[in-house]
């Protein structure tokens, strides 16, 4: 698919964010990238956006900057949502079907963020809690 046609398709899809002149701006940005030395040319989408910011070209290529930021912010897949449902399925089994929603949400978060929960120092938390309870009794 020709470059001009691809940018036109993108512009039509995001017509509220990208004006009709987006295609021309893409051509000018491509020409700018070709003028850069090979060792200084960006190799990734993030590199292109960093190049625009480093060179202070946001005013020259405003819609390229917008399109690159939109691309970098869009999730590539819905893996995190699927992972959450998978964790929920492991937590709420047939035997635990009476679990209340608040507790179930807390358990799901602990399971999903298991890398963080493994590193928690439970002894410190228990000691702090017992100190607080001991102060109240006196």
Protein backbone atom coordinates (compact mmCIF):
# COMPACT_ATOMS: atom_id res chain seq x y z
CA UNK A 1 0.00 0.00 0.00
CA UNK A 2 1.51 3.38 -0.96
CA UNK A 3 2.69 5.64 1.87
CA UNK A 4 0.29 8.47 1.00
CA UNK A 5 -2.65 6.06 1.01
CA UNK A 6 -1.67 4.64 4.43
CA UNK A 7 -1.48 8.08 6.00
CA UNK A 8 -4.85 8.99 4.44
CA UNK A 9 -6.43 5.87 5.96
CA UNK A 10 -5.01 6.79 9.36
CA UNK A 11 -6.24 10.37 8.98
CA UNK A 12 -9.75 9.22 8.08
CA UNK A 13 -9.88 6.85 11.04
CA UNK A 14 -8.73 9.58 13.45
CA UNK A 15 -10.35 12.51 11.65
CA UNK A 16 -11.04 14.34 14.92
CA UNK A 17 -7.35 14.27 15.90
CA UNK A 18 -5.58 14.49 12.53
CA UNK A 19 -6.45 17.03 9.82
CA UNK A 20 -6.39 16.44 6.05
CA UNK A 21 -2.89 17.96 5.89
CA UNK A 22 -1.57 14.99 7.89
CA UNK A 23 -0.56 13.13 4.71
CA UNK A 24 1.62 16.01 3.54
CA UNK A 25 3.18 16.30 6.98
CA UNK A 26 4.03 12.57 6.83
CA UNK A 27 5.82 13.06 3.52
CA UNK A 28 7.83 15.99 4.92
CA UNK A 29 8.70 14.02 8.04
CA UNK A 30 9.86 11.10 5.92
CA UNK A 31 12.08 13.46 3.92
CA UNK A 32 13.48 14.87 7.17
CA UNK A 33 14.32 11.37 8.42
CA UNK A 34 16.10 10.54 5.16
CA UNK A 35 18.36 13.59 5.60
CA UNK A 36 19.60 12.34 8.98
CA UNK A 37 22.87 10.39 9.15
CA UNK A 38 22.36 6.61 9.37
CA UNK A 39 23.83 6.37 12.89
CA UNK A 40 21.58 9.22 14.12
CA UNK A 41 18.34 8.08 12.44
CA UNK A 42 15.64 6.68 14.73
CA UNK A 43 14.99 2.97 14.41
CA UNK A 44 11.70 2.75 16.35
CA UNK A 45 8.44 4.66 16.79
CA UNK A 46 9.59 5.79 20.22
CA UNK A 47 12.88 6.90 18.66
CA UNK A 48 10.98 9.02 16.13
CA UNK A 49 9.03 10.76 18.87
CA UNK A 50 12.19 11.29 20.91
CA UNK A 51 13.89 12.78 17.84
CA UNK A 52 11.02 15.24 17.37
CA UNK A 53 11.20 16.26 21.03
CA UNK A 54 15.04 16.45 21.15
CA UNK A 55 15.20 18.55 17.99
CA UNK A 56 12.30 20.74 19.20
CA UNK A 57 10.26 19.99 16.08
CA UNK A 58 6.82 19.71 17.72
CA UNK A 59 5.81 22.97 16.02
CA UNK A 60 7.06 21.75 12.64
CA UNK A 61 5.46 18.27 12.83
CA UNK A 62 2.59 18.70 15.32
CA UNK A 63 0.32 16.01 13.89
CA UNK A 64 3.14 13.50 13.47
CA UNK A 65 3.84 14.02 17.17
CA UNK A 66 0.17 13.45 17.99
CA UNK A 67 -0.03 10.32 15.83
CA UNK A 68 3.14 8.85 17.35
CA UNK A 69 1.90 9.50 20.90
CA UNK A 70 -1.47 7.94 20.04
CA UNK A 71 0.30 4.88 18.64
CA UNK A 72 2.55 4.52 21.68
CA UNK A 73 -0.40 4.83 24.10
CA UNK A 74 -2.61 2.23 22.41
CA UNK A 75 -2.30 -1.24 23.94
CA UNK A 76 -1.12 -3.88 21.50
CA UNK A 77 -3.39 -6.51 22.99
CA UNK A 78 -5.82 -7.20 25.77
CA UNK A 79 -3.52 -9.62 27.60
CA UNK A 80 -3.81 -7.85 30.95
CA UNK A 81 -7.60 -8.15 30.92
CA UNK A 82 -7.40 -11.82 29.96
CA UNK A 83 -4.80 -12.40 32.66
CA UNK A 84 -7.15 -10.81 35.21
CA UNK A 85 -10.01 -13.12 34.26
CA UNK A 86 -7.69 -16.11 34.35
CA UNK A 87 -6.58 -15.15 37.86
CA UNK A 88 -10.19 -14.60 38.88
CA UNK A 89 -11.06 -18.08 37.65
CA UNK A 90 -8.30 -19.59 39.81
CA UNK A 91 -9.38 -17.61 42.87
CA UNK A 92 -13.15 -18.04 42.73
CA UNK A 93 -13.69 -21.74 42.46
CA UNK A 94 -16.92 -23.61 43.04
CA UNK A 95 -16.10 -24.04 46.75
CA UNK A 96 -15.45 -20.31 47.22
CA UNK A 97 -18.52 -19.09 45.41
CA UNK A 98 -19.78 -17.45 48.58
CA UNK A 99 -16.83 -15.01 48.63
CA UNK A 100 -17.99 -11.40 48.79
CA UNK A 101 -17.03 -9.00 45.97
CA UNK A 102 -14.67 -6.81 48.02
CA UNK A 103 -12.66 -9.79 49.26
CA UNK A 104 -12.67 -11.33 45.78
CA UNK A 105 -11.32 -8.09 44.25
CA UNK A 106 -8.60 -7.89 46.90
CA UNK A 107 -7.59 -11.52 46.31
CA UNK A 108 -7.56 -10.98 42.54
CA UNK A 109 -5.26 -7.94 42.86
CA UNK A 110 -2.91 -9.88 45.16
CA UNK A 111 -2.80 -12.74 42.67
CA UNK A 112 -2.31 -10.52 39.62
CA UNK A 113 0.41 -8.49 41.32
CA UNK A 114 2.09 -11.60 42.75
CA UNK A 115 5.58 -10.28 41.94
CA UNK A 116 5.00 -7.46 44.43
CA UNK A 117 3.33 -9.60 47.08
CA UNK A 118 6.20 -12.09 47.15
CA UNK A 119 8.58 -9.31 48.21
CA UNK A 120 6.43 -8.00 51.08
CA UNK A 121 8.06 -8.24 54.51
CA UNK A 122 5.18 -9.69 56.52
CA UNK A 123 7.13 -9.78 59.79
CA UNK A 124 7.52 -6.00 59.69
CA UNK A 125 3.80 -5.49 59.00
CA UNK A 126 2.78 -7.89 61.79
CA UNK A 127 5.14 -6.22 64.28
CA UNK A 128 3.86 -2.74 63.40
CA UNK A 129 0.26 -3.93 63.74
CA UNK A 130 0.96 -5.55 67.11
CA UNK A 131 2.68 -2.36 68.35
CA UNK A 132 -0.40 -0.32 67.42
CA UNK A 133 -2.72 -2.76 69.16
CA UNK A 134 -0.46 -2.91 72.25
CA UNK A 135 -0.56 0.90 72.58
CA UNK A 136 -4.35 0.94 72.61
CA UNK A 137 -4.61 -1.47 75.53
CA UNK A 138 -2.44 0.65 77.82
